[in-house]
Amino acid sequence: MPSAKFEQPVLSLFRIVIGLLFACHGAVTLFGVLGGPHGQAPAAGQWPGWWAAVIQLIGGALVLIGLGTRTAALLCSGSMAYAYFVHHQPDGLFPMQNGGEGAVLFCWAFLLLAALGPGEWSVTALLNRPVPRRKEVSTHPNNA
C-alpha cells in the first residue's frame, strides 16, 4: 500500500504542529509573549487558569518533541475537555455557539496522539533506536 510509507512521517508532523501550537498558547497565557492577548497573567497556582497554562506549555512541549507523548497528550486532552465543558458549553450547546471550537479540536487531536503515539520522528523513537555494535578488532598476533 503506497500511502502506508507516509503514515509515520505525517503522524510526526501532526504531533509537532499540535504540540507547538499548544505550547505557544501556554506561553501566551503565562508570559504574554508571541503576540497573544496582553491581559493579566493568572497568579501562580491560581485554579484553573495558571494550571491550565502550565499544562499547555509543558504538555505541549513534551508532545512537540515526542517525549512521554501518550501521557502528556492524555493530560492535554483532558484539560481541553475540562475547558470545553466548564467554560464553553454553558454558553451554548454547540462549539460554534459557545466559542469552544479550539478546545474541542485540541481535545480530539491530543486523544488521537495518546492513542497512536508520537510517530517515528520523536525523542522517544530516538532513545529506543538500537545502538549498532562495533566489531571488536583483536590485537592478538594469531588472529591476524
C-alpha atoms as a PDB file:
ATOM      1  CA  MET A   1       0.000   0.000   0.000  1.00  0.00           C
ATOM      2  CA  PRO A   2       1.789   3.186  -1.145  1.00  0.00           C
ATOM      3  CA  SER A   3       0.250   5.550   1.409  1.00  0.00           C
ATOM      4  CA  ALA A   4       1.471   3.455   4.352  1.00  0.00           C
ATOM      5  CA  LYS A   5       5.004   4.806   3.966  1.00  0.00           C
ATOM      6  CA  PHE A   6       3.711   8.299   4.769  1.00  0.00           C
ATOM      7  CA  GLU A   7       1.763   7.378   7.918  1.00  0.00           C
ATOM      8  CA  GLN A   8       4.579   7.776  10.455  1.00  0.00           C
ATOM      9  CA  PRO A   9       6.055  10.983   8.988  1.00  0.00           C
ATOM     10  CA  VAL A  10       2.599  12.591   8.743  1.00  0.00           C
ATOM     11  CA  LEU A  11       1.752  11.495  12.298  1.00  0.00           C
ATOM     12  CA  SER A  12       5.034  13.019  13.469  1.00  0.00           C
ATOM     13  CA  LEU A  13       4.342  16.294  11.651  1.00  0.00           C
ATOM     14  CA  PHE A  14       0.813  16.377  13.104  1.00  0.00           C
ATOM     15  CA  ARG A  15       2.240  15.864  16.616  1.00  0.00           C
ATOM     16  CA  ILE A  16       4.846  18.595  16.112  1.00  0.00           C
ATOM     17  CA  VAL A  17       2.304  21.171  14.913  1.00  0.00           C
ATOM     18  CA  ILE A  18      -0.263  20.381  17.622  1.00  0.00           C
ATOM     19  CA  GLY A  19       2.397  20.408  20.356  1.00  0.00           C
ATOM     20  CA  LEU A  20       3.891  23.691  19.120  1.00  0.00           C
ATOM     21  CA  LEU A  21       0.516  25.436  18.952  1.00  0.00           C
ATOM     22  CA  PHE A  22      -0.459  24.210  22.410  1.00  0.00           C
ATOM     23  CA  ALA A  23       2.882  25.193  23.961  1.00  0.00           C
ATOM     24  CA  CYS A  24       2.583  28.629  22.364  1.00  0.00           C
ATOM     25  CA  HIS A  25      -0.891  29.012  23.848  1.00  0.00           C
ATOM     26  CA  GLY A  26       0.550  28.304  27.303  1.00  0.00           C
ATOM     27  CA  ALA A  27       3.425  30.757  26.748  1.00  0.00           C
ATOM     28  CA  VAL A  28       0.961  33.473  25.714  1.00  0.00           C
ATOM     29  CA  THR A  29      -1.127  32.909  28.845  1.00  0.00           C
ATOM     30  CA  LEU A  30       1.801  32.732  31.278  1.00  0.00           C
ATOM     31  CA  PHE A  31       4.164  35.310  29.782  1.00  0.00           C
ATOM     32  CA  GLY A  32       2.149  37.437  27.329  1.00  0.00           C
ATOM     33  CA  VAL A  33       4.616  36.684  24.520  1.00  0.00           C
ATOM     34  CA  LEU A  34       4.237  35.735  20.841  1.00  0.00           C
ATOM     35  CA  GLY A  35       1.756  38.478  20.037  1.00  0.00           C
ATOM     36  CA  GLY A  36      -1.064  36.983  22.043  1.00  0.00           C
ATOM     37  CA  PRO A  37      -3.558  38.817  24.203  1.00  0.00           C
ATOM     38  CA  HIS A  38      -1.845  41.125  26.644  1.00  0.00           C
ATOM     39  CA  GLY A  39      -4.242  40.546  29.521  1.00  0.00           C
ATOM     40  CA  GLN A  40      -3.199  39.910  33.079  1.00  0.00           C
ATOM     41  CA  ALA A  41      -1.409  36.579  33.518  1.00  0.00           C
ATOM     42  CA  PRO A  42      -3.014  34.326  36.127  1.00  0.00           C
ATOM     43  CA  ALA A  43      -1.335  34.343  39.521  1.00  0.00           C
ATOM     44  CA  ALA A  44       0.976  31.411  40.191  1.00  0.00           C
ATOM     45  CA  GLY A  45      -1.046  28.461  41.439  1.00  0.00           C
ATOM     46  CA  GLN A  46      -4.414  30.040  40.558  1.00  0.00           C
ATOM     47  CA  TRP A  47      -7.045  27.436  39.654  1.00  0.00           C
ATOM     48  CA  PRO A  48      -7.725  26.703  36.854  1.00  0.00           C
ATOM     49  CA  GLY A  49      -6.030  29.387  34.715  1.00  0.00           C
ATOM     50  CA  TRP A  50      -2.435  29.061  35.830  1.00  0.00           C
ATOM     51  CA  TRP A  51      -2.554  25.271  35.964  1.00  0.00           C
ATOM     52  CA  ALA A  52      -4.137  25.095  32.502  1.00  0.00           C
ATOM     53  CA  ALA A  53      -1.386  27.323  31.105  1.00  0.00           C
ATOM     54  CA  VAL A  54       1.328  25.187  32.713  1.00  0.00           C
ATOM     55  CA  ILE A  55      -0.243  22.050  31.217  1.00  0.00           C
ATOM     56  CA  GLN A  56      -0.374  23.801  27.857  1.00  0.00           C
ATOM     57  CA  LEU A  57       3.251  24.929  27.984  1.00  0.00           C
ATOM     58  CA  ILE A  58       4.861  21.794  29.414  1.00  0.00           C
ATOM     59  CA  GLY A  59       2.458  19.250  27.907  1.00  0.00           C
ATOM     60  CA  GLY A  60       2.657  20.956  24.527  1.00  0.00           C
ATOM     61  CA  ALA A  61       6.470  20.999  24.669  1.00  0.00           C
ATOM     62  CA  LEU A  62       6.616  17.291  25.549  1.00  0.00           C
ATOM     63  CA  VAL A  63       4.232  16.437  22.719  1.00  0.00           C
ATOM     64  CA  LEU A  64       6.230  18.692  20.375  1.00  0.00           C
ATOM     65  CA  ILE A  65       9.491  16.839  20.968  1.00  0.00           C
ATOM     66  CA  GLY A  66       7.827  13.446  21.280  1.00  0.00           C
ATOM     67  CA  LEU A  67       8.846  12.565  24.829  1.00  0.00           C
ATOM     68  CA  GLY A  68       6.224  10.951  27.053  1.00  0.00           C
ATOM     69  CA  THR A  69       3.792  11.728  24.265  1.00  0.00           C
ATOM     70  CA  ARG A  70       0.966   9.383  25.196  1.00  0.00           C
ATOM     71  CA  THR A  71       0.815  10.528  28.828  1.00  0.00           C
ATOM     72  CA  ALA A  72       1.275  14.226  28.022  1.00  0.00           C
ATOM     73  CA  ALA A  73      -1.318  14.052  25.236  1.00  0.00           C
ATOM     74  CA  LEU A  74      -3.840  12.359  27.506  1.00  0.00           C
ATOM     75  CA  LEU A  75      -3.364  15.079  30.143  1.00  0.00           C
ATOM     76  CA  CYS A  76      -3.660  17.806  27.485  1.00  0.00           C
ATOM     77  CA  SER A  77      -6.795  16.176  26.058  1.00  0.00           C
ATOM     78  CA  GLY A  78      -8.380  16.038  29.486  1.00  0.00           C
ATOM     79  CA  SER A  79      -7.553  19.671  30.182  1.00  0.00           C
ATOM     80  CA  MET A  80      -9.250  20.686  26.940  1.00  0.00           C
ATOM     81  CA  ALA A  81     -12.316  18.565  27.742  1.00  0.00           C
ATOM     82  CA  TYR A  82     -12.482  20.345  31.113  1.00  0.00           C
ATOM     83  CA  ALA A  83     -12.110  23.739  29.401  1.00  0.00           C
ATOM     84  CA  TYR A  84     -14.894  22.928  26.985  1.00  0.00           C
ATOM     85  CA  PHE A  85     -17.427  21.587  29.463  1.00  0.00           C
ATOM     86  CA  VAL A  86     -16.731  24.102  32.249  1.00  0.00           C
ATOM     87  CA  HIS A  87     -16.013  27.295  30.303  1.00  0.00           C
ATOM     88  CA  HIS A  88     -17.617  26.931  26.871  1.00  0.00           C
ATOM     89  CA  GLN A  89     -20.534  24.513  26.987  1.00  0.00           C
ATOM     90  CA  PRO A  90     -22.606  26.577  29.455  1.00  0.00           C
ATOM     91  CA  ASP A  91     -22.760  29.354  26.788  1.00  0.00           C
ATOM     92  CA  GLY A  92     -24.408  27.103  24.191  1.00  0.00           C
ATOM     93  CA  LEU A  93     -24.820  23.521  23.101  1.00  0.00           C
ATOM     94  CA  PHE A  94     -22.557  23.535  20.040  1.00  0.00           C
ATOM     95  CA  PRO A  95     -18.939  24.708  19.738  1.00  0.00           C
ATOM     96  CA  MET A  96     -19.924  27.195  17.028  1.00  0.00           C
ATOM     97  CA  GLN A  97     -22.318  28.820  19.513  1.00  0.00           C
ATOM     98  CA  ASN A  98     -20.055  28.876  22.541  1.00  0.00           C
ATOM     99  CA  GLY A  99     -16.605  29.621  21.071  1.00  0.00           C
ATOM    100  CA  GLY A 100     -15.236  26.235  22.054  1.00  0.00           C
ATOM    101  CA  GLU A 101     -14.004  25.026  18.648  1.00  0.00           C
ATOM    102  CA  GLY A 102     -10.346  25.302  19.675  1.00  0.00           C
ATOM    103  CA  ALA A 103     -10.885  23.358  22.881  1.00  0.00           C
ATOM    104  CA  VAL A 104     -12.752  20.595  21.027  1.00  0.00           C
ATOM    105  CA  LEU A 105     -10.149  20.345  18.266  1.00  0.00           C
ATOM    106  CA  PHE A 106      -7.240  20.229  20.717  1.00  0.00           C
ATOM    107  CA  CYS A 107      -9.083  17.687  22.886  1.00  0.00           C
ATOM    108  CA  TRP A 108      -9.615  15.266  19.995  1.00  0.00           C
ATOM    109  CA  ALA A 109      -6.187  15.897  18.437  1.00  0.00           C
ATOM    110  CA  PHE A 110      -4.482  15.036  21.718  1.00  0.00           C
ATOM    111  CA  LEU A 111      -6.696  11.995  22.209  1.00  0.00           C
ATOM    112  CA  LEU A 112      -5.587  10.779  18.764  1.00  0.00           C
ATOM    113  CA  LEU A 113      -1.927  11.278  19.714  1.00  0.00           C
ATOM    114  CA  ALA A 114      -2.468   9.474  23.027  1.00  0.00           C
ATOM    115  CA  ALA A 115      -3.864   6.511  21.091  1.00  0.00           C
ATOM    116  CA  LEU A 116      -1.385   6.436  18.187  1.00  0.00           C
ATOM    117  CA  GLY A 117       1.817   7.581  19.887  1.00  0.00           C
ATOM    118  CA  PRO A 118       4.462  10.027  18.732  1.00  0.00           C
ATOM    119  CA  GLY A 119       5.421   8.674  15.324  1.00  0.00           C
ATOM    120  CA  GLU A 120       8.899   7.912  14.094  1.00  0.00           C
ATOM    121  CA  TRP A 121      10.324  11.451  14.330  1.00  0.00           C
ATOM    122  CA  SER A 122      10.400  11.744  18.106  1.00  0.00           C
ATOM    123  CA  VAL A 123      12.781  11.753  21.035  1.00  0.00           C
ATOM    124  CA  THR A 124      11.176   8.500  22.200  1.00  0.00           C
ATOM    125  CA  ALA A 125      11.937   6.808  18.860  1.00  0.00           C
ATOM    126  CA  LEU A 126      15.485   8.153  19.007  1.00  0.00           C
ATOM    127  CA  LEU A 127      16.002   6.817  22.535  1.00  0.00           C
ATOM    128  CA  ASN A 128      14.549   3.421  21.606  1.00  0.00           C
ATOM    129  CA  ARG A 129      16.669   3.027  18.481  1.00  0.00           C
ATOM    130  CA  PRO A 130      19.032   0.067  18.783  1.00  0.00           C
ATOM    131  CA  VAL A 131      22.680   1.005  19.111  1.00  0.00           C
ATOM    132  CA  PRO A 132      24.812  -0.644  16.415  1.00  0.00           C
ATOM    133  CA  ARG A 133      27.508  -2.877  17.844  1.00  0.00           C
ATOM    134  CA  ARG A 134      31.051  -2.179  16.830  1.00  0.00           C
ATOM    135  CA  LYS A 135      33.188  -5.049  15.652  1.00  0.00           C
ATOM    136  CA  GLU A 136      35.986  -5.732  18.049  1.00  0.00           C
ATOM    137  CA  VAL A 137      39.415  -5.858  16.492  1.00  0.00           C
ATOM    138  CA  SER A 138      41.740  -8.397  18.012  1.00  0.00           C
ATOM    139  CA  THR A 139      45.319  -7.371  18.594  1.00  0.00           C
ATOM    140  CA  HIS A 140      46.454 -10.937  19.247  1.00  0.00           C
ATOM    141  CA  PRO A 141      49.157 -11.995  16.677  1.00  0.00           C
ATOM    142  CA  ASN A 142      47.492 -15.393  15.984  1.00  0.00           C
ATOM    143  CA  ASN A 143      44.252 -13.745  14.853  1.00  0.00           C
ATOM    144  CA  ALA A 144      45.874 -11.664  12.109  1.00  0.00           C
END
